[in-house]
PDB file of N, CA and C in Angstrom:
ATOM      1  N   MET A   1     -11.894  18.789   4.839  1.00  0.00           N
ATOM      2  CA  MET A   1     -11.644  18.055   3.668  1.00  0.00           C
ATOM      3  C   MET A   1     -10.070  17.807   3.523  1.00  0.00           C
ATOM      4  N   VAL A   2      -9.723  16.686   3.202  1.00  0.00           N
ATOM      5  CA  VAL A   2      -8.312  16.269   3.099  1.00  0.00           C
ATOM      6  C   VAL A   2      -7.831  16.611   1.678  1.00  0.00           C
ATOM      7  N   SER A   3      -6.681  17.301   1.698  1.00  0.00           N
ATOM      8  CA  SER A   3      -6.125  17.736   0.394  1.00  0.00           C
ATOM      9  C   SER A   3      -5.438  16.555  -0.396  1.00  0.00           C
ATOM     10  N   ARG A   4      -5.237  16.789  -1.667  1.00  0.00           N
ATOM     11  CA  ARG A   4      -4.635  15.759  -2.479  1.00  0.00           C
ATOM     12  C   ARG A   4      -3.202  15.472  -1.998  1.00  0.00           C
ATOM     13  N   GLU A   5      -2.491  16.452  -1.603  1.00  0.00           N
ATOM     14  CA  GLU A   5      -1.103  16.253  -1.144  1.00  0.00           C
ATOM     15  C   GLU A   5      -1.108  15.349   0.047  1.00  0.00           C
ATOM     16  N   ASN A   6      -2.069  15.587   0.973  1.00  0.00           N
ATOM     17  CA  ASN A   6      -2.158  14.661   2.203  1.00  0.00           C
ATOM     18  C   ASN A   6      -2.501  13.225   1.834  1.00  0.00           C
ATOM     19  N   ASN A   7      -3.327  13.074   0.853  1.00  0.00           N
ATOM     20  CA  ASN A   7      -3.622  11.682   0.348  1.00  0.00           C
ATOM     21  C   ASN A   7      -2.436  11.011  -0.229  1.00  0.00           C
ATOM     22  N   VAL A   8      -1.755  11.725  -1.021  1.00  0.00           N
ATOM     23  CA  VAL A   8      -0.504  11.182  -1.664  1.00  0.00           C
ATOM     24  C   VAL A   8       0.465  10.854  -0.586  1.00  0.00           C
ATOM     25  N   VAL A   9       0.748  11.633   0.342  1.00  0.00           N
ATOM     26  CA  VAL A   9       1.801  11.374   1.382  1.00  0.00           C
ATOM     27  C   VAL A   9       1.298  10.215   2.276  1.00  0.00           C
ATOM     28  N   THR A  10       0.083  10.234   2.632  1.00  0.00           N
ATOM     29  CA  THR A  10      -0.402   9.106   3.485  1.00  0.00           C
ATOM     30  C   THR A  10      -0.323   7.785   2.770  1.00  0.00           C
ATOM     31  N   GLY A  11      -0.638   7.732   1.498  1.00  0.00           N
ATOM     32  CA  GLY A  11      -0.566   6.519   0.797  1.00  0.00           C
ATOM     33  C   GLY A  11       0.894   6.005   0.634  1.00  0.00           C
ATOM     34  N   PHE A  12       1.829   6.891   0.336  1.00  0.00           N
ATOM     35  CA  PHE A  12       3.224   6.500   0.252  1.00  0.00           C
ATOM     36  C   PHE A  12       3.815   6.099   1.601  1.00  0.00           C
ATOM     37  N   VAL A  13       3.422   6.773   2.634  1.00  0.00           N
ATOM     38  CA  VAL A  13       3.977   6.391   4.023  1.00  0.00           C
ATOM     39  C   VAL A  13       3.429   5.019   4.357  1.00  0.00           C
ATOM     40  N   LEU A  14       2.175   4.712   4.150  1.00  0.00           N
ATOM     41  CA  LEU A  14       1.644   3.410   4.456  1.00  0.00           C
ATOM     42  C   LEU A  14       2.350   2.337   3.590  1.00  0.00           C
ATOM     43  N   LEU A  15       2.588   2.638   2.268  1.00  0.00           N
ATOM     44  CA  LEU A  15       3.310   1.710   1.494  1.00  0.00           C
ATOM     45  C   LEU A  15       4.712   1.474   1.955  1.00  0.00           C
ATOM     46  N   ALA A  16       5.352   2.581   2.392  1.00  0.00           N
ATOM     47  CA  ALA A  16       6.764   2.464   2.867  1.00  0.00           C
ATOM     48  C   ALA A  16       6.817   1.592   4.114  1.00  0.00           C
ATOM     49  N   LEU A  17       5.882   1.818   5.022  1.00  0.00           N
ATOM     50  CA  LEU A  17       5.842   0.999   6.234  1.00  0.00           C
ATOM     51  C   LEU A  17       5.613  -0.500   5.957  1.00  0.00           C
ATOM     52  N   VAL A  18       4.688  -0.725   5.024  1.00  0.00           N
ATOM     53  CA  VAL A  18       4.399  -2.153   4.693  1.00  0.00           C
ATOM     54  C   VAL A  18       5.636  -2.841   4.040  1.00  0.00           C
ATOM     55  N   LEU A  19       6.287  -2.082   3.082  1.00  0.00           N
ATOM     56  CA  LEU A  19       7.439  -2.637   2.409  1.00  0.00           C
ATOM     57  C   LEU A  19       8.557  -2.901   3.416  1.00  0.00           C
ATOM     58  N   THR A  20       8.808  -1.935   4.329  1.00  0.00           N
ATOM     59  CA  THR A  20       9.924  -2.084   5.289  1.00  0.00           C
ATOM     60  C   THR A  20       9.652  -3.156   6.292  1.00  0.00           C
ATOM     61  N   TYR A  21       8.460  -3.128   6.827  1.00  0.00           N
ATOM     62  CA  TYR A  21       8.101  -4.234   7.834  1.00  0.00           C
ATOM     63  C   TYR A  21       8.091  -5.564   7.156  1.00  0.00           C
ATOM     64  N   GLY A  22       7.521  -5.665   6.037  1.00  0.00           N
ATOM     65  CA  GLY A  22       7.558  -6.924   5.302  1.00  0.00           C
ATOM     66  C   GLY A  22       8.967  -7.377   4.918  1.00  0.00           C
ATOM     67  N   GLY A  23       9.805  -6.365   4.576  1.00  0.00           N
ATOM     68  CA  GLY A  23      11.194  -6.751   4.210  1.00  0.00           C
ATOM     69  C   GLY A  23      11.969  -7.238   5.382  1.00  0.00           C
ATOM     70  N   PHE A  24      11.714  -6.701   6.582  1.00  0.00           N
ATOM     71  CA  PHE A  24      12.400  -7.221   7.757  1.00  0.00           C
ATOM     72  C   PHE A  24      11.978  -8.655   8.080  1.00  0.00           C
ATOM     73  N   TRP A  25      10.718  -8.939   7.860  1.00  0.00           N
ATOM     74  CA  TRP A  25      10.282 -10.309   8.265  1.00  0.00           C
ATOM     75  C   TRP A  25      10.346 -11.307   7.185  1.00  0.00           C
ATOM     76  N   LEU A  26      10.263 -10.952   5.916  1.00  0.00           N
ATOM     77  CA  LEU A  26      10.227 -11.955   4.884  1.00  0.00           C
ATOM     78  C   LEU A  26      11.493 -12.079   3.992  1.00  0.00           C
ATOM     79  N   THR A  27      12.460 -11.166   4.184  1.00  0.00           N
ATOM     80  CA  THR A  27      13.634 -11.240   3.389  1.00  0.00           C
ATOM     81  C   THR A  27      14.876 -11.169   4.180  1.00  0.00           C
ATOM     82  N   ASP A  28      15.976 -11.419   3.557  1.00  0.00           N
ATOM     83  CA  ASP A  28      17.201 -11.321   4.212  1.00  0.00           C
ATOM     84  C   ASP A  28      18.057 -10.128   3.835  1.00  0.00           C
ATOM     85  N   PHE A  29      17.326  -9.079   3.339  1.00  0.00           N
ATOM     86  CA  PHE A  29      17.963  -7.787   2.983  1.00  0.00           C
ATOM     87  C   PHE A  29      18.584  -7.141   4.141  1.00  0.00           C
ATOM     88  N   PRO A  30      19.705  -6.481   3.983  1.00  0.00           N
ATOM     89  CA  PRO A  30      20.281  -5.748   5.129  1.00  0.00           C
ATOM     90  C   PRO A  30      19.397  -4.649   5.594  1.00  0.00           C
ATOM     91  N   SER A  31      19.517  -4.329   6.862  1.00  0.00           N
ATOM     92  CA  SER A  31      18.606  -3.245   7.410  1.00  0.00           C
ATOM     93  C   SER A  31      18.840  -1.913   6.824  1.00  0.00           C
ATOM     94  N   GLU A  32      20.098  -1.669   6.333  1.00  0.00           N
ATOM     95  CA  GLU A  32      20.373  -0.364   5.704  1.00  0.00           C
ATOM     96  C   GLU A  32      19.608  -0.216   4.447  1.00  0.00           C
ATOM     97  N   LEU A  33      19.519  -1.280   3.700  1.00  0.00           N
ATOM     98  CA  LEU A  33      18.746  -1.254   2.416  1.00  0.00           C
ATOM     99  C   LEU A  33      17.233  -0.976   2.702  1.00  0.00           C
ATOM    100  N   LEU A  34      16.756  -1.618   3.712  1.00  0.00           N
ATOM    101  CA  LEU A  34      15.305  -1.514   4.058  1.00  0.00           C
ATOM    102  C   LEU A  34      15.033  -0.062   4.596  1.00  0.00           C
ATOM    103  N   MET A  35      15.989   0.519   5.339  1.00  0.00           N
ATOM    104  CA  MET A  35      15.821   1.860   5.800  1.00  0.00           C
ATOM    105  C   MET A  35      15.838   2.876   4.595  1.00  0.00           C
ATOM    106  N   GLY A  36      16.684   2.516   3.589  1.00  0.00           N
ATOM    107  CA  GLY A  36      16.711   3.340   2.392  1.00  0.00           C
ATOM    108  C   GLY A  36      15.332   3.250   1.646  1.00  0.00           C
ATOM    109  N   VAL A  37      14.803   2.101   1.621  1.00  0.00           N
ATOM    110  CA  VAL A  37      13.460   1.922   1.038  1.00  0.00           C
ATOM    111  C   VAL A  37      12.398   2.780   1.777  1.00  0.00           C
ATOM    112  N   LEU A  38      12.514   2.741   3.101  1.00  0.00           N
ATOM    113  CA  LEU A  38      11.597   3.497   3.943  1.00  0.00           C
ATOM    114  C   LEU A  38      11.692   5.008   3.627  1.00  0.00           C
ATOM    115  N   ILE A  39      12.959   5.461   3.599  1.00  0.00           N
ATOM    116  CA  ILE A  39      13.168   6.909   3.341  1.00  0.00           C
ATOM    117  C   ILE A  39      12.784   7.319   1.884  1.00  0.00           C
ATOM    118  N   PHE A  40      13.147   6.419   0.951  1.00  0.00           N
ATOM    119  CA  PHE A  40      12.830   6.735  -0.451  1.00  0.00           C
ATOM    120  C   PHE A  40      11.288   6.745  -0.701  1.00  0.00           C
ATOM    121  N   VAL A  41      10.625   5.708  -0.315  1.00  0.00           N
ATOM    122  CA  VAL A  41       9.241   5.528  -0.564  1.00  0.00           C
ATOM    123  C   VAL A  41       8.399   6.481   0.288  1.00  0.00           C
ATOM    124  N   GLY A  42       8.811   6.704   1.580  1.00  0.00           N
ATOM    125  CA  GLY A  42       7.972   7.427   2.512  1.00  0.00           C
ATOM    126  C   GLY A  42       8.234   8.965   2.425  1.00  0.00           C
ATOM    127  N   VAL A  43       9.418   9.404   1.882  1.00  0.00           N
ATOM    128  CA  VAL A  43       9.714  10.813   1.927  1.00  0.00           C
ATOM    129  C   VAL A  43       9.930  11.339   0.555  1.00  0.00           C
ATOM    130  N   LEU A  44      10.864  10.768  -0.214  1.00  0.00           N
ATOM    131  CA  LEU A  44      11.240  11.278  -1.496  1.00  0.00           C
ATOM    132  C   LEU A  44      10.185  11.073  -2.586  1.00  0.00           C
ATOM    133  N   ALA A  45       9.634   9.972  -2.676  1.00  0.00           N
ATOM    134  CA  ALA A  45       8.620   9.666  -3.721  1.00  0.00           C
ATOM    135  C   ALA A  45       7.406  10.544  -3.595  1.00  0.00           C
ATOM    136  N   PRO A  46       6.806  10.745  -2.398  1.00  0.00           N
ATOM    137  CA  PRO A  46       5.659  11.620  -2.380  1.00  0.00           C
ATOM    138  C   PRO A  46       5.978  13.078  -2.749  1.00  0.00           C
ATOM    139  N   MET A  47       7.203  13.562  -2.435  1.00  0.00           N
ATOM    140  CA  MET A  47       7.573  14.891  -2.805  1.00  0.00           C
ATOM    141  C   MET A  47       7.662  14.990  -4.361  1.00  0.00           C
ATOM    142  N   VAL A  48       8.210  14.022  -5.032  1.00  0.00           N
ATOM    143  CA  VAL A  48       8.298  13.971  -6.454  1.00  0.00           C
ATOM    144  C   VAL A  48       6.908  13.909  -7.111  1.00  0.00           C
ATOM    145  N   VAL A  49       6.099  13.066  -6.668  1.00  0.00           N
ATOM    146  CA  VAL A  49       4.784  12.931  -7.178  1.00  0.00           C
ATOM    147  C   VAL A  49       3.911  14.235  -6.984  1.00  0.00           C
ATOM    148  N   ASN A  50       3.974  14.774  -5.768  1.00  0.00           N
ATOM    149  CA  ASN A  50       3.233  16.043  -5.526  1.00  0.00           C
ATOM    150  C   ASN A  50       3.808  17.197  -6.430  1.00  0.00           C
ATOM    151  N   ASN A  51       5.110  17.307  -6.543  1.00  0.00           N
ATOM    152  CA  ASN A  51       5.687  18.384  -7.434  1.00  0.00           C
ATOM    153  C   ASN A  51       5.202  18.153  -8.875  1.00  0.00           C
ATOM    154  N   HIS A  52       5.199  16.915  -9.284  1.00  0.00           N
ATOM    155  CA  HIS A  52       4.743  16.631 -10.692  1.00  0.00           C
ATOM    156  C   HIS A  52       3.285  16.990 -10.891  1.00  0.00           C
ATOM    157  N   LEU A  53       2.458  16.623  -9.935  1.00  0.00           N
ATOM    158  CA  LEU A  53       0.986  16.974 -10.002  1.00  0.00           C
ATOM    159  C   LEU A  53       0.806  18.417  -9.870  1.00  0.00           C
ATOM    160  N   ASP A  54       1.558  19.114  -9.113  1.00  0.00           N
ATOM    161  CA  ASP A  54       1.419  20.633  -8.999  1.00  0.00           C
ATOM    162  C   ASP A  54       1.808  21.247 -10.335  1.00  0.00           C
ATOM    163  N   SER A  55       2.868  20.792 -10.939  1.00  0.00           N
ATOM    164  CA  SER A  55       3.275  21.404 -12.224  1.00  0.00           C
ATOM    165  C   SER A  55       2.270  21.112 -13.249  1.00  0.00           C
ATOM    166  N   ARG A  56       1.592  20.007 -13.273  1.00  0.00           N
ATOM    167  CA  ARG A  56       0.628  19.693 -14.261  1.00  0.00           C
ATOM    168  C   ARG A  56      -0.630  20.598 -14.075  1.00  0.00           C
ATOM    169  N   GLU A  57      -0.942  20.841 -12.779  1.00  0.00           N
ATOM    170  CA  GLU A  57      -2.157  21.738 -12.570  1.00  0.00           C
ATOM    171  C   GLU A  57      -1.904  23.185 -12.972  1.00  0.00           C
ATOM    172  N   ALA A  58      -0.573  23.635 -12.835  1.00  0.00           N
ATOM    173  CA  ALA A  58      -0.234  24.983 -13.117  1.00  0.00           C
ATOM    174  C   ALA A  58      -0.220  25.268 -14.678  1.00  0.00           C
ATOM    175  N   ALA A  59      -0.089  24.203 -15.404  1.00  0.00           N
ATOM    176  CA  ALA A  59       0.071  24.416 -16.880  1.00  0.00           C
ATOM    177  C   ALA A  59      -1.287  24.537 -17.511  1.00  0.00           C
TER     178      ALA A  59
END
């Protein structure tokens, strides 16, 4: 059985890849900005969401 944390991380990683790949092909944004989007959406956002959901369950 897949845990909630894994579902959250998988969803955000897929979203980050789509946003970054689409950004490279469809926009003129600098690659540094798109790499920041990849890191923020793929790494930082799932950690924040999982921490928030964990704190809600503990209360």
